[in-house]
Each structure stands twice: as C-alpha cells, then as structure tokens.
Amino acid sequence: MQLLSEIDKLFGVKNLCKLVSFQPDGGLLVYAGDDENDATAMGWVIREGGAALSIGRNPLVPGARAVASPAALVEEIREMAGIRSHPRGE
C-alpha cells in the first residue's frame, strides 16, 4: 500500500539524480521497468534525453524500447554499453 502518492518511482529517480549531482542530459540516463508503475519515470527519462527499456512485448510508454524478457534486457544494456556478449562456457 502506497502511503504517500507523491512518493513513486519518478520521485526516486529524480532524487537519486539530485543526491549524486547527476544532470540527466546527453542520453546517459537509462531506466528499465516492467509494469505500469514504471511508466511515469520512463516518460520523464525519455523527455530528459535518456532511454527507457520496457520489459515485455509492448512498450509501456511512447519512445520506450521493448525488450522481450529480463535476459533480453541484459543483452540490450550490454549492447548499449558496448560490451560484447560471451557465449556460455567462455
């Protein structure tokens, strides 16, 4: 049960940025989520020039990239970071 309606994931993202003195510009902010309670934060991140990754078949908000599963999310983030994936066993 949410006790204060203004305390949501968007509040958390904004305050985390403020806490670490991070200006969310230049496409450096990435938010990943899988539920409607992530939508507001995703929209804000996109408006600030960042990327939103939505786990599931359909993006939660316009401009978010859909990734099929948590495993696909890992691969997408690795690709965004320029990290080559290693086949299992290496």
N, C-alpha and C. Protein backbone atom coordinates (compact mmCIF):
# COMPACT_ATOMS: atom_id res chain seq x y z
N MET A 1 0.84 -1.17 0.00
CA MET A 1 0.00 0.00 0.00
C MET A 1 0.89 1.24 0.00
N GLN A 2 0.62 2.12 -0.92
CA GLN A 2 1.39 3.36 -1.02
C GLN A 2 0.79 4.39 -0.06
N LEU A 3 1.60 4.88 0.87
CA LEU A 3 1.09 5.82 1.87
C LEU A 3 1.09 7.26 1.39
N LEU A 4 2.08 7.64 0.60
CA LEU A 4 2.15 8.99 0.07
C LEU A 4 2.17 8.91 -1.45
N SER A 5 1.15 9.44 -2.10
CA SER A 5 1.02 9.31 -3.55
C SER A 5 2.16 9.99 -4.31
N GLU A 6 2.77 11.00 -3.72
CA GLU A 6 3.87 11.70 -4.41
C GLU A 6 5.19 10.93 -4.35
N ILE A 7 5.26 9.89 -3.56
CA ILE A 7 6.47 9.07 -3.48
C ILE A 7 6.29 7.89 -4.41
N ASP A 8 6.85 8.02 -5.59
CA ASP A 8 6.75 6.97 -6.60
C ASP A 8 8.12 6.78 -7.25
N LYS A 9 8.18 6.00 -8.31
CA LYS A 9 9.47 5.73 -8.94
C LYS A 9 10.07 6.97 -9.59
N LEU A 10 9.24 7.84 -10.12
CA LEU A 10 9.75 9.10 -10.67
C LEU A 10 10.40 9.93 -9.57
N PHE A 11 9.76 10.02 -8.42
CA PHE A 11 10.33 10.73 -7.27
C PHE A 11 11.69 10.13 -6.94
N GLY A 12 11.78 8.80 -6.95
CA GLY A 12 13.03 8.12 -6.64
C GLY A 12 14.13 8.43 -7.65
N VAL A 13 13.79 8.40 -8.93
CA VAL A 13 14.79 8.68 -9.97
C VAL A 13 15.29 10.11 -9.86
N LYS A 14 14.38 11.06 -9.72
CA LYS A 14 14.77 12.46 -9.61
C LYS A 14 15.65 12.70 -8.39
N ASN A 15 15.27 12.11 -7.27
CA ASN A 15 16.05 12.32 -6.05
C ASN A 15 17.39 11.61 -6.10
N LEU A 16 17.47 10.47 -6.74
CA LEU A 16 18.77 9.81 -6.90
C LEU A 16 19.69 10.68 -7.75
N CYS A 17 19.17 11.24 -8.84
CA CYS A 17 19.97 12.15 -9.67
C CYS A 17 20.46 13.34 -8.84
N LYS A 18 19.56 13.89 -8.04
CA LYS A 18 19.92 15.04 -7.20
C LYS A 18 20.97 14.65 -6.16
N LEU A 19 20.80 13.49 -5.53
CA LEU A 19 21.70 13.02 -4.50
C LEU A 19 23.13 12.87 -5.00
N VAL A 20 23.29 12.39 -6.25
CA VAL A 20 24.63 12.17 -6.79
C VAL A 20 25.06 13.30 -7.73
N SER A 21 24.30 14.41 -7.71
CA SER A 21 24.60 15.59 -8.55
C SER A 21 24.72 15.22 -10.03
N PHE A 22 23.78 14.43 -10.52
CA PHE A 22 23.78 13.99 -11.91
C PHE A 22 22.76 14.79 -12.70
N GLN A 23 23.23 15.43 -13.77
CA GLN A 23 22.34 16.15 -14.67
C GLN A 23 21.91 15.18 -15.77
N PRO A 24 20.63 14.82 -15.84
CA PRO A 24 20.19 13.81 -16.80
C PRO A 24 20.07 14.33 -18.23
N ASP A 25 21.20 14.65 -18.81
CA ASP A 25 21.20 15.09 -20.20
C ASP A 25 22.26 14.31 -20.96
N GLY A 26 22.23 14.42 -22.24
CA GLY A 26 23.23 13.75 -23.06
C GLY A 26 23.00 12.26 -23.25
N GLY A 27 21.81 11.79 -22.93
CA GLY A 27 21.49 10.39 -23.17
C GLY A 27 22.14 9.41 -22.22
N LEU A 28 22.62 9.86 -21.07
CA LEU A 28 23.31 8.97 -20.14
C LEU A 28 22.39 8.28 -19.15
N LEU A 29 21.13 8.67 -19.09
CA LEU A 29 20.21 8.09 -18.13
C LEU A 29 19.42 6.97 -18.81
N VAL A 30 19.37 5.82 -18.15
CA VAL A 30 18.62 4.66 -18.67
C VAL A 30 17.72 4.15 -17.56
N TYR A 31 16.46 3.90 -17.89
CA TYR A 31 15.51 3.37 -16.93
C TYR A 31 14.89 2.12 -17.54
N ALA A 32 14.83 1.06 -16.77
CA ALA A 32 14.19 -0.18 -17.23
C ALA A 32 13.06 -0.53 -16.27
N GLY A 33 11.95 -0.97 -16.82
CA GLY A 33 10.82 -1.34 -15.99
C GLY A 33 9.91 -2.31 -16.71
N ASP A 34 8.99 -2.89 -15.92
CA ASP A 34 8.12 -3.91 -16.49
C ASP A 34 6.66 -3.77 -16.09
N ASP A 35 6.29 -2.65 -15.49
CA ASP A 35 4.92 -2.52 -15.00
C ASP A 35 4.45 -1.08 -15.14
N GLU A 36 3.14 -0.89 -15.05
CA GLU A 36 2.56 0.45 -15.17
C GLU A 36 3.13 1.43 -14.16
N ASN A 37 3.57 0.95 -13.01
CA ASN A 37 4.12 1.87 -12.01
C ASN A 37 5.48 2.43 -12.43
N ASP A 38 6.03 1.95 -13.53
CA ASP A 38 7.29 2.48 -14.08
C ASP A 38 7.06 3.54 -15.15
N ALA A 39 5.83 3.65 -15.66
CA ALA A 39 5.54 4.48 -16.83
C ALA A 39 5.88 5.94 -16.63
N THR A 40 5.54 6.53 -15.50
CA THR A 40 5.81 7.96 -15.28
C THR A 40 7.31 8.24 -15.29
N ALA A 41 8.07 7.38 -14.62
CA ALA A 41 9.52 7.55 -14.60
C ALA A 41 10.11 7.36 -16.00
N MET A 42 9.61 6.37 -16.72
CA MET A 42 10.09 6.15 -18.09
C MET A 42 9.86 7.37 -18.96
N GLY A 43 8.66 7.93 -18.90
CA GLY A 43 8.35 9.12 -19.70
C GLY A 43 9.27 10.28 -19.38
N TRP A 44 9.55 10.49 -18.10
CA TRP A 44 10.44 11.58 -17.69
C TRP A 44 11.85 11.36 -18.22
N VAL A 45 12.35 10.13 -18.09
CA VAL A 45 13.70 9.81 -18.58
C VAL A 45 13.80 10.08 -20.08
N ILE A 46 12.78 9.67 -20.83
CA ILE A 46 12.78 9.91 -22.28
C ILE A 46 12.77 11.41 -22.56
N ARG A 47 11.94 12.17 -21.86
CA ARG A 47 11.89 13.62 -22.07
C ARG A 47 13.21 14.29 -21.72
N GLU A 48 13.97 13.72 -20.81
CA GLU A 48 15.27 14.27 -20.43
C GLU A 48 16.39 13.82 -21.37
N GLY A 49 16.04 13.08 -22.42
CA GLY A 49 17.04 12.67 -23.41
C GLY A 49 17.63 11.30 -23.16
N GLY A 50 17.13 10.60 -22.15
CA GLY A 50 17.63 9.26 -21.84
C GLY A 50 16.86 8.18 -22.57
N ALA A 51 17.11 6.95 -22.18
CA ALA A 51 16.47 5.80 -22.80
C ALA A 51 15.64 5.05 -21.76
N ALA A 52 14.49 4.57 -22.20
CA ALA A 52 13.65 3.73 -21.35
C ALA A 52 13.50 2.38 -22.03
N LEU A 53 13.72 1.34 -21.25
CA LEU A 53 13.60 -0.03 -21.74
C LEU A 53 12.42 -0.67 -21.03
N SER A 54 11.48 -1.16 -21.81
CA SER A 54 10.24 -1.72 -21.28
C SER A 54 10.26 -3.23 -21.49
N ILE A 55 10.24 -3.97 -20.39
CA ILE A 55 10.29 -5.43 -20.48
C ILE A 55 8.89 -5.94 -20.81
N GLY A 56 8.79 -6.64 -21.91
CA GLY A 56 7.51 -7.15 -22.38
C GLY A 56 7.35 -6.90 -23.86
N ARG A 57 6.27 -7.41 -24.38
CA ARG A 57 6.05 -7.34 -25.82
C ARG A 57 5.79 -5.92 -26.33
N ASN A 58 5.07 -5.12 -25.54
CA ASN A 58 4.70 -3.77 -25.96
C ASN A 58 5.29 -2.73 -25.01
N PRO A 59 5.86 -1.65 -25.54
CA PRO A 59 6.40 -0.60 -24.68
C PRO A 59 5.31 0.01 -23.80
N LEU A 60 5.66 0.35 -22.57
CA LEU A 60 4.71 0.95 -21.65
C LEU A 60 4.40 2.40 -22.00
N VAL A 61 5.36 3.09 -22.60
CA VAL A 61 5.17 4.50 -22.97
C VAL A 61 5.75 4.72 -24.36
N PRO A 62 5.23 5.73 -25.08
CA PRO A 62 5.82 6.06 -26.38
C PRO A 62 7.29 6.43 -26.23
N GLY A 63 8.10 5.90 -27.11
CA GLY A 63 9.53 6.20 -27.09
C GLY A 63 10.37 5.18 -26.34
N ALA A 64 9.72 4.31 -25.56
CA ALA A 64 10.45 3.26 -24.85
C ALA A 64 10.75 2.12 -25.82
N ARG A 65 11.87 1.45 -25.59
CA ARG A 65 12.23 0.28 -26.39
C ARG A 65 11.73 -0.97 -25.68
N ALA A 66 11.01 -1.80 -26.40
CA ALA A 66 10.53 -3.05 -25.82
C ALA A 66 11.64 -4.10 -25.89
N VAL A 67 11.83 -4.80 -24.80
CA VAL A 67 12.72 -5.97 -24.76
C VAL A 67 11.88 -7.13 -24.24
N ALA A 68 12.06 -8.29 -24.83
CA ALA A 68 11.14 -9.40 -24.60
C ALA A 68 11.18 -9.99 -23.20
N SER A 69 12.33 -9.95 -22.55
CA SER A 69 12.48 -10.66 -21.28
C SER A 69 13.61 -10.03 -20.46
N PRO A 70 13.75 -10.42 -19.21
CA PRO A 70 14.90 -9.92 -18.43
C PRO A 70 16.23 -10.29 -19.08
N ALA A 71 16.33 -11.47 -19.68
CA ALA A 71 17.58 -11.85 -20.36
C ALA A 71 17.84 -10.93 -21.56
N ALA A 72 16.78 -10.58 -22.28
CA ALA A 72 16.93 -9.66 -23.42
C ALA A 72 17.31 -8.27 -22.93
N LEU A 73 16.84 -7.89 -21.75
CA LEU A 73 17.22 -6.60 -21.16
C LEU A 73 18.72 -6.56 -20.91
N VAL A 74 19.25 -7.65 -20.37
CA VAL A 74 20.70 -7.72 -20.11
C VAL A 74 21.47 -7.54 -21.41
N GLU A 75 21.05 -8.23 -22.45
CA GLU A 75 21.74 -8.12 -23.75
C GLU A 75 21.63 -6.70 -24.31
N GLU A 76 20.47 -6.07 -24.18
CA GLU A 76 20.28 -4.70 -24.68
C GLU A 76 21.20 -3.73 -23.95
N ILE A 77 21.30 -3.87 -22.64
CA ILE A 77 22.18 -2.98 -21.86
C ILE A 77 23.64 -3.22 -22.20
N ARG A 78 24.01 -4.49 -22.36
CA ARG A 78 25.39 -4.79 -22.76
C ARG A 78 25.69 -4.14 -24.12
N GLU A 79 24.76 -4.23 -25.05
CA GLU A 79 24.96 -3.62 -26.37
C GLU A 79 25.07 -2.10 -26.25
N MET A 80 24.20 -1.49 -25.43
CA MET A 80 24.25 -0.04 -25.25
C MET A 80 25.60 0.39 -24.66
N ALA A 81 26.17 -0.44 -23.80
CA ALA A 81 27.44 -0.13 -23.16
C ALA A 81 28.64 -0.53 -24.01
N GLY A 82 28.39 -1.20 -25.13
CA GLY A 82 29.49 -1.62 -25.99
C GLY A 82 30.24 -2.82 -25.45
N ILE A 83 29.56 -3.64 -24.69
CA ILE A 83 30.19 -4.83 -24.10
C ILE A 83 29.76 -6.05 -24.91
N ARG A 84 30.75 -6.77 -25.41
CA ARG A 84 30.46 -7.96 -26.21
C ARG A 84 29.96 -9.08 -25.31
N SER A 85 28.89 -9.72 -25.75
CA SER A 85 28.37 -10.87 -25.01
C SER A 85 29.28 -12.08 -25.24
N HIS A 86 29.41 -12.89 -24.22
CA HIS A 86 30.21 -14.11 -24.31
C HIS A 86 29.28 -15.31 -24.36
N PRO A 87 29.49 -16.20 -25.29
CA PRO A 87 28.68 -17.42 -25.30
C PRO A 87 28.90 -18.17 -23.99
N ARG A 88 27.89 -18.91 -23.55
CA ARG A 88 28.01 -19.69 -22.31
C ARG A 88 29.19 -20.63 -22.43
N GLY A 89 29.91 -20.75 -21.32
CA GLY A 89 31.06 -21.65 -21.29
C GLY A 89 32.38 -20.95 -21.50
N GLU A 90 32.38 -19.69 -21.90
CA GLU A 90 33.66 -18.96 -22.09
C GLU A 90 34.09 -18.32 -20.80
